[in-house]
Amino acid sequence: MSTRAEKASTVARDTTRRIAMGKRKGIWKEQLFKYVLILCIVIAFVTLLALIIHSAWLGRGRLDLNLITQMPSTLNPETSGMQSALWGTVILMVGVLVTVVPLGISAAVYLEEYADTERWWNRFIELNIQNLAAVPSIVFGILGLAYVVREGFAFGPVAYAGSLTLAMLVLPTVILASREALKAVPDSIRQASYGMGATKWQTVWHQVLPVAVPGMITGTILAMSRAIGETAPLLLVGATTFVTFNPDSAFAGAYTAIPVQIYQWASRPQPEFRELAAAGVILLIVVLLIMNSAAIWLRNRYSRFDL
């Protein structure tokens, strides 16, 4: 009996020692992973801050009202502005917003609440949405040129053609983010609604969507932030690099955008235009911050539940 007790005690001590060593090793790995993540965040933040500071310093002489009140000029860079590009960007982003939000949220609601995952076509749709999120933007530009500008919709080189192309680019992001927001809604909310006699549509419209709105708006913010900085797709679908007038509308007239105007100025050898390009970068960041601030306010405004 004593021998068995000694063996059991030895095994227990060895097991306890191995558990303690594994725990210490796990804590060490966890701390290392934590510091690596912090380092990555610091590198990304410092890089972004350095870019903003460099652009602000280089373009400090042109950060004035002329930048947003004057039209582009190749003869007088000292007074040249980007009013046409600013209005073109606003029109483009409004077009993207009114197109991608209904389509993206509707697709997410169908795939998450109604689609039968056993059906092959639903799995095929989900697979393609995930793949489209990684497709380069230039591919969407070619698609927009072929089926939005020339054939198919045949809008021509107008602002809404650019909006529709950018909407196709960011649509997978909105769908994926909206689906995750719907997944985060507790199933108890759905079951309680069904228990009160509500239909599927009434449950989705009155209970599920209001809870998922903050997450959906977050996805929309990410999508719009990507769309506002795209240049290559716009160049393919008709955005002109030099426009000295504001667009007539989303469906008529030539247009340009802030990234396209920055590209046009940065490609010129004169230092005055490099200064204008740097000031344009700061203006683009300001427009992006204003747009995101409005979206964040809406997200907080419609956050009805604290999950």
C-alpha atoms as a PDB file:
ATOM      1  CA  MET A   1       0.000   0.000   0.000  1.00  0.00           C
ATOM      2  CA  SER A   2       2.780   2.394   0.879  1.00  0.00           C
ATOM      3  CA  THR A   3       4.475   1.726  -2.477  1.00  0.00           C
ATOM      4  CA  ARG A   4       1.266   2.491  -4.368  1.00  0.00           C
ATOM      5  CA  ALA A   5       0.765   5.652  -2.348  1.00  0.00           C
ATOM      6  CA  GLU A   6       4.324   6.775  -3.053  1.00  0.00           C
ATOM      7  CA  LYS A   7       3.857   6.125  -6.806  1.00  0.00           C
ATOM      8  CA  ALA A   8       0.560   8.009  -6.825  1.00  0.00           C
ATOM      9  CA  SER A   9       2.156  10.911  -4.961  1.00  0.00           C
ATOM     10  CA  THR A  10       5.078  10.986  -7.408  1.00  0.00           C
ATOM     11  CA  VAL A  11       2.753  10.968 -10.426  1.00  0.00           C
ATOM     12  CA  ALA A  12       0.669  13.754  -8.895  1.00  0.00           C
ATOM     13  CA  ARG A  13       3.759  15.896  -8.240  1.00  0.00           C
ATOM     14  CA  ASP A  14       5.036  15.341 -11.785  1.00  0.00           C
ATOM     15  CA  THR A  15       1.643  16.210 -13.239  1.00  0.00           C
ATOM     16  CA  THR A  16       1.387  19.348 -11.120  1.00  0.00           C
ATOM     17  CA  ARG A  17       4.921  20.360 -12.136  1.00  0.00           C
ATOM     18  CA  ARG A  18       4.184  19.879 -15.853  1.00  0.00           C
ATOM     19  CA  ILE A  19       0.953  21.866 -15.549  1.00  0.00           C
ATOM     20  CA  ALA A  20       2.781  24.711 -13.782  1.00  0.00           C
ATOM     21  CA  MET A  21       5.562  24.718 -16.389  1.00  0.00           C
ATOM     22  CA  GLY A  22       3.024  24.693 -19.216  1.00  0.00           C
ATOM     23  CA  LYS A  23       1.114  27.528 -17.593  1.00  0.00           C
ATOM     24  CA  ARG A  24       4.265  29.612 -17.232  1.00  0.00           C
ATOM     25  CA  LYS A  25       5.190  28.889 -20.843  1.00  0.00           C
ATOM     26  CA  GLY A  26       1.663  29.827 -21.944  1.00  0.00           C
ATOM     27  CA  ILE A  27       1.846  33.103 -20.012  1.00  0.00           C
ATOM     28  CA  TRP A  28       5.211  33.892 -21.648  1.00  0.00           C
ATOM     29  CA  LYS A  29       3.801  33.228 -25.130  1.00  0.00           C
ATOM     30  CA  GLU A  30       0.708  35.303 -24.356  1.00  0.00           C
ATOM     31  CA  GLN A  31       2.807  38.246 -23.231  1.00  0.00           C
ATOM     32  CA  LEU A  32       5.034  37.962 -26.317  1.00  0.00           C
ATOM     33  CA  PHE A  33       2.007  37.903 -28.616  1.00  0.00           C
ATOM     34  CA  LYS A  34       0.548  40.908 -26.817  1.00  0.00           C
ATOM     35  CA  TYR A  35       3.733  42.950 -27.266  1.00  0.00           C
ATOM     36  CA  VAL A  36       3.985  41.973 -30.955  1.00  0.00           C
ATOM     37  CA  LEU A  37       0.423  43.241 -31.491  1.00  0.00           C
ATOM     38  CA  ILE A  38       1.214  46.486 -29.682  1.00  0.00           C
ATOM     39  CA  LEU A  39       4.347  46.913 -31.833  1.00  0.00           C
ATOM     40  CA  CYS A  40       2.309  46.433 -35.024  1.00  0.00           C
ATOM     41  CA  ILE A  41      -0.215  49.051 -33.872  1.00  0.00           C
ATOM     42  CA  VAL A  42       2.562  51.507 -33.008  1.00  0.00           C
ATOM     43  CA  ILE A  43       4.262  51.011 -36.404  1.00  0.00           C
ATOM     44  CA  ALA A  44       0.977  51.552 -38.266  1.00  0.00           C
ATOM     45  CA  PHE A  45       0.110  54.635 -36.200  1.00  0.00           C
ATOM     46  CA  VAL A  46       3.586  56.173 -36.531  1.00  0.00           C
ATOM     47  CA  THR A  47       3.595  55.572 -40.296  1.00  0.00           C
ATOM     48  CA  LEU A  48       0.200  57.226 -40.708  1.00  0.00           C
ATOM     49  CA  LEU A  49       1.177  60.117 -38.450  1.00  0.00           C
ATOM     50  CA  ALA A  50       4.424  60.634 -40.350  1.00  0.00           C
ATOM     51  CA  LEU A  51       2.528  60.723 -43.658  1.00  0.00           C
ATOM     52  CA  ILE A  52       0.047  63.277 -42.327  1.00  0.00           C
ATOM     53  CA  ILE A  53       2.782  65.468 -40.808  1.00  0.00           C
ATOM     54  CA  HIS A  54       4.859  65.320 -44.002  1.00  0.00           C
ATOM     55  CA  SER A  55       1.873  66.229 -46.189  1.00  0.00           C
ATOM     56  CA  ALA A  56       0.797  69.034 -43.854  1.00  0.00           C
ATOM     57  CA  TRP A  57       4.326  70.471 -43.733  1.00  0.00           C
ATOM     58  CA  LEU A  58       4.846  70.236 -47.484  1.00  0.00           C
ATOM     59  CA  GLY A  59       1.442  71.704 -48.328  1.00  0.00           C
ATOM     60  CA  ARG A  60       1.236  74.207 -45.473  1.00  0.00           C
ATOM     61  CA  GLY A  61       1.499  77.142 -47.877  1.00  0.00           C
ATOM     62  CA  ARG A  62      -1.641  76.062 -49.777  1.00  0.00           C
ATOM     63  CA  LEU A  63      -3.888  75.103 -46.879  1.00  0.00           C
ATOM     64  CA  ASP A  64      -6.142  78.105 -47.421  1.00  0.00           C
ATOM     65  CA  LEU A  65      -9.594  78.958 -48.723  1.00  0.00           C
ATOM     66  CA  ASN A  66      -8.335  79.049 -52.314  1.00  0.00           C
ATOM     67  CA  LEU A  67      -7.854  75.297 -52.097  1.00  0.00           C
ATOM     68  CA  ILE A  68     -11.621  74.732 -51.832  1.00  0.00           C
ATOM     69  CA  THR A  69     -12.996  77.841 -53.532  1.00  0.00           C
ATOM     70  CA  GLN A  70     -10.860  78.010 -56.700  1.00  0.00           C
ATOM     71  CA  MET A  71     -10.833  75.767 -59.756  1.00  0.00           C
ATOM     72  CA  PRO A  72      -7.706  73.877 -60.888  1.00  0.00           C
ATOM     73  CA  SER A  73      -5.290  75.845 -63.030  1.00  0.00           C
ATOM     74  CA  THR A  74      -2.083  74.933 -64.840  1.00  0.00           C
ATOM     75  CA  LEU A  75      -1.078  78.570 -65.327  1.00  0.00           C
ATOM     76  CA  ASN A  76      -1.404  79.928 -61.779  1.00  0.00           C
ATOM     77  CA  PRO A  77      -0.526  77.194 -59.272  1.00  0.00           C
ATOM     78  CA  GLU A  78      -0.274  79.828 -56.522  1.00  0.00           C
ATOM     79  CA  THR A  79      -4.045  80.392 -56.641  1.00  0.00           C
ATOM     80  CA  SER A  80      -5.142  77.040 -58.060  1.00  0.00           C
ATOM     81  CA  GLY A  81      -7.684  75.043 -56.078  1.00  0.00           C
ATOM     82  CA  MET A  82      -9.703  71.857 -56.271  1.00  0.00           C
ATOM     83  CA  GLN A  83     -13.326  72.923 -55.984  1.00  0.00           C
ATOM     84  CA  SER A  84     -14.390  70.755 -58.921  1.00  0.00           C
ATOM     85  CA  ALA A  85     -12.635  67.728 -57.421  1.00  0.00           C
ATOM     86  CA  LEU A  86     -14.214  68.362 -54.022  1.00  0.00           C
ATOM     87  CA  TRP A  87     -17.734  68.514 -55.461  1.00  0.00           C
ATOM     88  CA  GLY A  88     -17.016  65.518 -57.662  1.00  0.00           C
ATOM     89  CA  THR A  89     -15.963  63.514 -54.610  1.00  0.00           C
ATOM     90  CA  VAL A  90     -19.113  64.524 -52.725  1.00  0.00           C
ATOM     91  CA  ILE A  91     -21.320  63.459 -55.644  1.00  0.00           C
ATOM     92  CA  LEU A  92     -19.419  60.178 -56.000  1.00  0.00           C
ATOM     93  CA  MET A  93     -19.714  59.313 -52.323  1.00  0.00           C
ATOM     94  CA  VAL A  94     -23.430  60.129 -52.203  1.00  0.00           C
ATOM     95  CA  GLY A  95     -23.933  57.865 -55.209  1.00  0.00           C
ATOM     96  CA  VAL A  96     -21.944  55.075 -53.552  1.00  0.00           C
ATOM     97  CA  LEU A  97     -23.883  55.456 -50.303  1.00  0.00           C
ATOM     98  CA  VAL A  98     -27.374  55.325 -51.841  1.00  0.00           C
ATOM     99  CA  THR A  99     -26.363  52.337 -53.953  1.00  0.00           C
ATOM    100  CA  VAL A 100     -24.299  50.134 -51.697  1.00  0.00           C
ATOM    101  CA  VAL A 101     -26.260  50.425 -48.437  1.00  0.00           C
ATOM    102  CA  PRO A 102     -29.632  49.066 -49.691  1.00  0.00           C
ATOM    103  CA  LEU A 103     -27.954  46.367 -51.798  1.00  0.00           C
ATOM    104  CA  GLY A 104     -25.448  45.324 -49.147  1.00  0.00           C
ATOM    105  CA  ILE A 105     -27.880  45.207 -46.237  1.00  0.00           C
ATOM    106  CA  SER A 106     -30.561  43.437 -48.294  1.00  0.00           C
ATOM    107  CA  ALA A 107     -28.072  40.792 -49.397  1.00  0.00           C
ATOM    108  CA  ALA A 108     -26.840  40.332 -45.822  1.00  0.00           C
ATOM    109  CA  VAL A 109     -30.386  39.949 -44.474  1.00  0.00           C
ATOM    110  CA  TYR A 110     -31.229  37.366 -47.130  1.00  0.00           C
ATOM    111  CA  LEU A 111     -28.055  35.314 -46.604  1.00  0.00           C
ATOM    112  CA  GLU A 112     -28.247  35.436 -42.817  1.00  0.00           C
ATOM    113  CA  GLU A 113     -31.974  35.259 -42.108  1.00  0.00           C
ATOM    114  CA  TYR A 114     -33.617  33.588 -45.097  1.00  0.00           C
ATOM    115  CA  ALA A 115     -31.085  31.644 -47.191  1.00  0.00           C
ATOM    116  CA  ASP A 116     -30.911  27.868 -46.859  1.00  0.00           C
ATOM    117  CA  THR A 117     -27.221  27.053 -46.424  1.00  0.00           C
ATOM    118  CA  GLU A 118     -27.849  23.540 -47.708  1.00  0.00           C
ATOM    119  CA  ARG A 119     -28.641  24.878 -51.177  1.00  0.00           C
ATOM    120  CA  TRP A 120     -25.649  24.902 -53.485  1.00  0.00           C
ATOM    121  CA  TRP A 121     -26.444  28.301 -55.002  1.00  0.00           C
ATOM    122  CA  ASN A 122     -26.449  30.001 -51.589  1.00  0.00           C
ATOM    123  CA  ARG A 123     -23.058  28.480 -50.794  1.00  0.00           C
ATOM    124  CA  PHE A 124     -21.876  29.598 -54.241  1.00  0.00           C
ATOM    125  CA  ILE A 125     -23.020  33.170 -53.547  1.00  0.00           C
ATOM    126  CA  GLU A 126     -21.257  33.232 -50.173  1.00  0.00           C
ATOM    127  CA  LEU A 127     -18.046  31.895 -51.694  1.00  0.00           C
ATOM    128  CA  ASN A 128     -18.056  34.541 -54.426  1.00  0.00           C
ATOM    129  CA  ILE A 129     -18.738  37.367 -51.964  1.00  0.00           C
ATOM    130  CA  GLN A 130     -15.741  36.321 -49.882  1.00  0.00           C
ATOM    131  CA  ASN A 131     -13.554  36.073 -52.979  1.00  0.00           C
ATOM    132  CA  LEU A 132     -14.688  39.432 -54.367  1.00  0.00           C
ATOM    133  CA  ALA A 133     -13.549  41.176 -51.189  1.00  0.00           C
ATOM    134  CA  ALA A 134      -9.928  40.427 -52.189  1.00  0.00           C
ATOM    135  CA  VAL A 135     -10.145  41.359 -55.884  1.00  0.00           C
ATOM    136  CA  PRO A 136      -7.875  44.319 -56.877  1.00  0.00           C
ATOM    137  CA  SER A 137      -9.664  47.586 -57.522  1.00  0.00           C
ATOM    138  CA  ILE A 138      -8.386  47.826 -61.099  1.00  0.00           C
ATOM    139  CA  VAL A 139     -10.452  44.743 -61.989  1.00  0.00           C
ATOM    140  CA  PHE A 140     -13.612  46.531 -60.877  1.00  0.00           C
ATOM    141  CA  GLY A 141     -12.517  49.505 -62.972  1.00  0.00           C
ATOM    142  CA  ILE A 142     -12.322  47.306 -66.058  1.00  0.00           C
ATOM    143  CA  LEU A 143     -15.705  45.784 -65.200  1.00  0.00           C
ATOM    144  CA  GLY A 144     -17.195  49.249 -64.770  1.00  0.00           C
ATOM    145  CA  LEU A 145     -15.764  50.418 -68.084  1.00  0.00           C
ATOM    146  CA  ALA A 146     -17.217  47.420 -69.913  1.00  0.00           C
ATOM    147  CA  TYR A 147     -20.653  47.094 -68.306  1.00  0.00           C
ATOM    148  CA  VAL A 148     -21.415  50.466 -66.711  1.00  0.00           C
ATOM    149  CA  VAL A 149     -19.886  53.043 -69.048  1.00  0.00           C
ATOM    150  CA  ARG A 150     -20.064  51.346 -72.459  1.00  0.00           C
ATOM    151  CA  GLU A 151     -22.355  48.313 -72.484  1.00  0.00           C
ATOM    152  CA  GLY A 152     -25.017  47.111 -70.084  1.00  0.00           C
ATOM    153  CA  PHE A 153     -26.092  50.240 -68.224  1.00  0.00           C
ATOM    154  CA  ALA A 154     -24.313  52.454 -70.793  1.00  0.00           C
ATOM    155  CA  PHE A 155     -24.300  55.504 -68.524  1.00  0.00           C
ATOM    156  CA  GLY A 156     -21.291  56.964 -70.255  1.00  0.00           C
ATOM    157  CA  PRO A 157     -18.392  58.675 -68.438  1.00  0.00           C
ATOM    158  CA  VAL A 158     -20.546  60.381 -65.805  1.00  0.00           C
ATOM    159  CA  ALA A 159     -20.219  60.611 -62.039  1.00  0.00           C
ATOM    160  CA  TYR A 160     -22.769  57.907 -61.254  1.00  0.00           C
ATOM    161  CA  ALA A 161     -20.808  55.455 -63.417  1.00  0.00           C
ATOM    162  CA  GLY A 162     -17.917  56.065 -61.039  1.00  0.00           C
ATOM    163  CA  SER A 163     -20.238  55.680 -58.044  1.00  0.00           C
ATOM    164  CA  LEU A 164     -21.582  52.387 -59.351  1.00  0.00           C
ATOM    165  CA  THR A 165     -18.071  51.081 -60.005  1.00  0.00           C
ATOM    166  CA  LEU A 166     -16.939  52.015 -56.498  1.00  0.00           C
ATOM    167  CA  ALA A 167     -20.139  50.486 -55.097  1.00  0.00           C
ATOM    168  CA  MET A 168     -19.258  47.173 -56.738  1.00  0.00           C
ATOM    169  CA  LEU A 169     -15.783  47.480 -55.223  1.00  0.00           C
ATOM    170  CA  VAL A 170     -16.958  47.937 -51.629  1.00  0.00           C
ATOM    171  CA  LEU A 171     -20.176  45.898 -51.770  1.00  0.00           C
ATOM    172  CA  PRO A 172     -18.529  42.702 -50.404  1.00  0.00           C
ATOM    173  CA  THR A 173     -17.234  44.658 -47.402  1.00  0.00           C
ATOM    174  CA  VAL A 174     -20.708  45.964 -46.570  1.00  0.00           C
ATOM    175  CA  ILE A 175     -22.278  42.511 -46.976  1.00  0.00           C
ATOM    176  CA  LEU A 176     -19.701  40.752 -44.798  1.00  0.00           C
ATOM    177  CA  ALA A 177     -19.816  43.408 -42.066  1.00  0.00           C
ATOM    178  CA  SER A 178     -23.641  43.456 -42.084  1.00  0.00           C
ATOM    179  CA  ARG A 179     -23.771  39.665 -41.808  1.00  0.00           C
ATOM    180  CA  GLU A 180     -21.466  39.747 -38.797  1.00  0.00           C
ATOM    181  CA  ALA A 181     -23.681  42.407 -37.222  1.00  0.00           C
ATOM    182  CA  LEU A 182     -26.736  40.194 -37.760  1.00  0.00           C
ATOM    183  CA  LYS A 183     -24.932  37.182 -36.299  1.00  0.00           C
ATOM    184  CA  ALA A 184     -24.153  39.206 -33.182  1.00  0.00           C
ATOM    185  CA  VAL A 185     -27.866  39.745 -32.444  1.00  0.00           C
ATOM    186  CA  PRO A 186     -28.853  37.292 -29.653  1.00  0.00           C
ATOM    187  CA  ASP A 187     -31.170  34.562 -30.873  1.00  0.00           C
ATOM    188  CA  SER A 188     -33.309  35.119 -27.780  1.00  0.00           C
ATOM    189  CA  ILE A 189     -34.565  38.372 -29.351  1.00  0.00           C
ATOM    190  CA  ARG A 190     -35.824  36.452 -32.369  1.00  0.00           C
ATOM    191  CA  GLN A 191     -37.417  33.735 -30.265  1.00  0.00           C
ATOM    192  CA  ALA A 192     -39.134  36.283 -28.026  1.00  0.00           C
ATOM    193  CA  SER A 193     -40.564  38.033 -31.068  1.00  0.00           C
ATOM    194  CA  TYR A 194     -41.822  34.761 -32.527  1.00  0.00           C
ATOM    195  CA  GLY A 195     -43.320  33.929 -29.157  1.00  0.00           C
ATOM    196  CA  MET A 196     -45.350  37.137 -29.300  1.00  0.00           C
ATOM    197  CA  GLY A 197     -46.793  36.073 -32.650  1.00  0.00           C
ATOM    198  CA  ALA A 198     -44.625  38.200 -34.949  1.00  0.00           C
ATOM    199  CA  THR A 199     -43.866  37.006 -38.458  1.00  0.00           C
ATOM    200  CA  LYS A 200     -40.381  36.467 -39.834  1.00  0.00           C
ATOM    201  CA  TRP A 201     -40.378  39.840 -41.600  1.00  0.00           C
ATOM    202  CA  GLN A 202     -41.738  41.686 -38.566  1.00  0.00           C
ATOM    203  CA  THR A 203     -39.030  40.112 -36.412  1.00  0.00           C
ATOM    204  CA  VAL A 204     -36.262  41.054 -38.808  1.00  0.00           C
ATOM    205  CA  TRP A 205     -37.533  44.592 -39.446  1.00  0.00           C
ATOM    206  CA  HIS A 206     -38.581  45.620 -35.940  1.00  0.00           C
ATOM    207  CA  GLN A 207     -36.235  43.598 -33.723  1.00  0.00           C
ATOM    208  CA  VAL A 208     -33.143  42.288 -35.493  1.00  0.00           C
ATOM    209  CA  LEU A 209     -32.224  45.214 -37.751  1.00  0.00           C
ATOM    210  CA  PRO A 210     -32.407  47.934 -35.048  1.00  0.00           C
ATOM    211  CA  VAL A 211     -29.964  45.937 -32.928  1.00  0.00           C
ATOM    212  CA  ALA A 212     -27.637  45.293 -35.869  1.00  0.00           C
ATOM    213  CA  VAL A 213     -27.612  48.900 -37.159  1.00  0.00           C
ATOM    214  CA  PRO A 214     -24.428  50.000 -35.281  1.00  0.00           C
ATOM    215  CA  GLY A 215     -22.420  47.118 -36.733  1.00  0.00           C
ATOM    216  CA  MET A 216     -23.831  47.749 -40.209  1.00  0.00           C
ATOM    217  CA  ILE A 217     -22.884  51.421 -40.030  1.00  0.00           C
ATOM    218  CA  THR A 218     -19.375  50.418 -38.974  1.00  0.00           C
ATOM    219  CA  GLY A 219     -19.101  48.269 -42.095  1.00  0.00           C
ATOM    220  CA  THR A 220     -20.399  51.147 -44.194  1.00  0.00           C
ATOM    221  CA  ILE A 221     -17.767  53.467 -42.691  1.00  0.00           C
ATOM    222  CA  LEU A 222     -15.007  51.026 -43.657  1.00  0.00           C
ATOM    223  CA  ALA A 223     -16.427  50.680 -47.165  1.00  0.00           C
ATOM    224  CA  MET A 224     -16.773  54.420 -47.738  1.00  0.00           C
ATOM    225  CA  SER A 225     -13.281  55.021 -46.355  1.00  0.00           C
ATOM    226  CA  ARG A 226     -11.883  52.656 -48.964  1.00  0.00           C
ATOM    227  CA  ALA A 227     -13.986  54.067 -51.794  1.00  0.00           C
ATOM    228  CA  ILE A 228     -13.057  57.715 -51.205  1.00  0.00           C
ATOM    229  CA  GLY A 229      -9.357  57.060 -51.773  1.00  0.00           C
ATOM    230  CA  GLU A 230      -9.607  54.988 -54.957  1.00  0.00           C
ATOM    231  CA  THR A 231      -8.083  56.423 -58.122  1.00  0.00           C
ATOM    232  CA  ALA A 232      -7.467  53.648 -60.673  1.00  0.00           C
ATOM    233  CA  PRO A 233     -11.125  52.594 -61.126  1.00  0.00           C
ATOM    234  CA  LEU A 234     -12.195  56.212 -61.596  1.00  0.00           C
ATOM    235  CA  LEU A 235      -9.564  56.829 -64.262  1.00  0.00           C
ATOM    236  CA  LEU A 236     -10.908  53.857 -66.199  1.00  0.00           C
ATOM    237  CA  VAL A 237     -14.577  54.871 -65.999  1.00  0.00           C
ATOM    238  CA  GLY A 238     -14.168  58.462 -67.131  1.00  0.00           C
ATOM    239  CA  ALA A 239     -12.906  60.631 -64.277  1.00  0.00           C
ATOM    240  CA  THR A 240     -10.988  63.453 -65.981  1.00  0.00           C
ATOM    241  CA  THR A 241      -7.670  64.534 -64.511  1.00  0.00           C
ATOM    242  CA  PHE A 242      -8.273  68.219 -65.239  1.00  0.00           C
ATOM    243  CA  VAL A 243     -11.765  69.721 -64.879  1.00  0.00           C
ATOM    244  CA  THR A 244     -12.315  73.462 -64.376  1.00  0.00           C
ATOM    245  CA  PHE A 245     -16.035  73.328 -63.598  1.00  0.00           C
ATOM    246  CA  ASN A 246     -18.312  71.551 -61.163  1.00  0.00           C
ATOM    247  CA  PRO A 247     -20.248  68.492 -62.396  1.00  0.00           C
ATOM    248  CA  ASP A 248     -23.701  69.299 -63.759  1.00  0.00           C
ATOM    249  CA  SER A 249     -25.195  66.276 -61.971  1.00  0.00           C
ATOM    250  CA  ALA A 250     -24.476  62.654 -61.230  1.00  0.00           C
ATOM    251  CA  PHE A 251     -25.768  61.665 -64.673  1.00  0.00           C
ATOM    252  CA  ALA A 252     -24.383  64.407 -66.905  1.00  0.00           C
ATOM    253  CA  GLY A 253     -21.162  66.268 -67.508  1.00  0.00           C
ATOM    254  CA  ALA A 254     -17.487  65.585 -66.912  1.00  0.00           C
ATOM    255  CA  TYR A 255     -16.263  65.072 -63.365  1.00  0.00           C
ATOM    256  CA  THR A 256     -13.140  64.479 -61.328  1.00  0.00           C
ATOM    257  CA  ALA A 257     -12.334  63.549 -57.727  1.00  0.00           C
ATOM    258  CA  ILE A 258      -9.818  64.533 -55.093  1.00  0.00           C
ATOM    259  CA  PRO A 259      -7.578  61.428 -55.519  1.00  0.00           C
ATOM    260  CA  VAL A 260      -7.559  61.922 -59.296  1.00  0.00           C
ATOM    261  CA  GLN A 261      -6.656  65.602 -58.902  1.00  0.00           C
ATOM    262  CA  ILE A 262      -3.889  64.708 -56.450  1.00  0.00           C
ATOM    263  CA  TYR A 263      -2.539  62.198 -58.983  1.00  0.00           C
ATOM    264  CA  GLN A 264      -2.593  64.847 -61.719  1.00  0.00           C
ATOM    265  CA  TRP A 265      -0.742  67.383 -59.595  1.00  0.00           C
ATOM    266  CA  ALA A 266       1.787  64.902 -58.195  1.00  0.00           C
ATOM    267  CA  SER A 267       2.759  63.811 -61.717  1.00  0.00           C
ATOM    268  CA  ARG A 268       3.891  67.349 -62.637  1.00  0.00           C
ATOM    269  CA  PRO A 269       7.565  68.284 -62.140  1.00  0.00           C
ATOM    270  CA  GLN A 270       6.978  71.800 -60.756  1.00  0.00           C
ATOM    271  CA  PRO A 271       7.364  72.072 -56.958  1.00  0.00           C
ATOM    272  CA  GLU A 272       4.247  74.279 -56.751  1.00  0.00           C
ATOM    273  CA  PHE A 273       2.076  71.396 -57.926  1.00  0.00           C
ATOM    274  CA  ARG A 274       3.752  69.005 -55.474  1.00  0.00           C
ATOM    275  CA  GLU A 275       2.753  71.451 -52.762  1.00  0.00           C
ATOM    276  CA  LEU A 276      -0.805  71.465 -54.098  1.00  0.00           C
ATOM    277  CA  ALA A 277      -0.846  67.642 -54.110  1.00  0.00           C
ATOM    278  CA  ALA A 278       0.244  67.560 -50.457  1.00  0.00           C
ATOM    279  CA  ALA A 279      -2.452  70.061 -49.523  1.00  0.00           C
ATOM    280  CA  GLY A 280      -4.953  67.901 -51.430  1.00  0.00           C
ATOM    281  CA  VAL A 281      -3.976  64.906 -49.283  1.00  0.00           C
ATOM    282  CA  ILE A 282      -4.845  66.875 -46.149  1.00  0.00           C
ATOM    283  CA  LEU A 283      -8.146  67.976 -47.696  1.00  0.00           C
ATOM    284  CA  LEU A 284      -8.979  64.355 -48.522  1.00  0.00           C
ATOM    285  CA  ILE A 285      -8.261  63.332 -44.936  1.00  0.00           C
ATOM    286  CA  VAL A 286     -10.482  66.152 -43.645  1.00  0.00           C
ATOM    287  CA  VAL A 287     -13.357  65.104 -45.921  1.00  0.00           C
ATOM    288  CA  LEU A 288     -12.909  61.498 -44.780  1.00  0.00           C
ATOM    289  CA  LEU A 289     -12.961  62.511 -41.103  1.00  0.00           C
ATOM    290  CA  ILE A 290     -16.112  64.596 -41.584  1.00  0.00           C
ATOM    291  CA  MET A 291     -17.844  61.729 -43.377  1.00  0.00           C
ATOM    292  CA  ASN A 292     -16.807  59.189 -40.729  1.00  0.00           C
ATOM    293  CA  SER A 293     -17.788  61.517 -37.890  1.00  0.00           C
ATOM    294  CA  ALA A 294     -21.303  61.820 -39.305  1.00  0.00           C
ATOM    295  CA  ALA A 295     -21.536  58.045 -39.667  1.00  0.00           C
ATOM    296  CA  ILE A 296     -20.280  57.471 -36.112  1.00  0.00           C
ATOM    297  CA  TRP A 297     -22.842  59.963 -34.800  1.00  0.00           C
ATOM    298  CA  LEU A 298     -25.589  58.066 -36.616  1.00  0.00           C
ATOM    299  CA  ARG A 299     -24.289  54.774 -35.235  1.00  0.00           C
ATOM    300  CA  ASN A 300     -24.388  56.070 -31.675  1.00  0.00           C
ATOM    301  CA  ARG A 301     -27.754  57.720 -32.292  1.00  0.00           C
ATOM    302  CA  TYR A 302     -29.403  54.477 -33.351  1.00  0.00           C
ATOM    303  CA  SER A 303     -27.755  52.177 -30.830  1.00  0.00           C
ATOM    304  CA  ARG A 304     -30.935  51.089 -29.077  1.00  0.00           C
ATOM    305  CA  PHE A 305     -29.503  48.158 -27.180  1.00  0.00           C
ATOM    306  CA  ASP A 306     -26.307  47.580 -25.235  1.00  0.00           C
ATOM    307  CA  LEU A 307     -25.339  44.011 -26.010  1.00  0.00           C
END
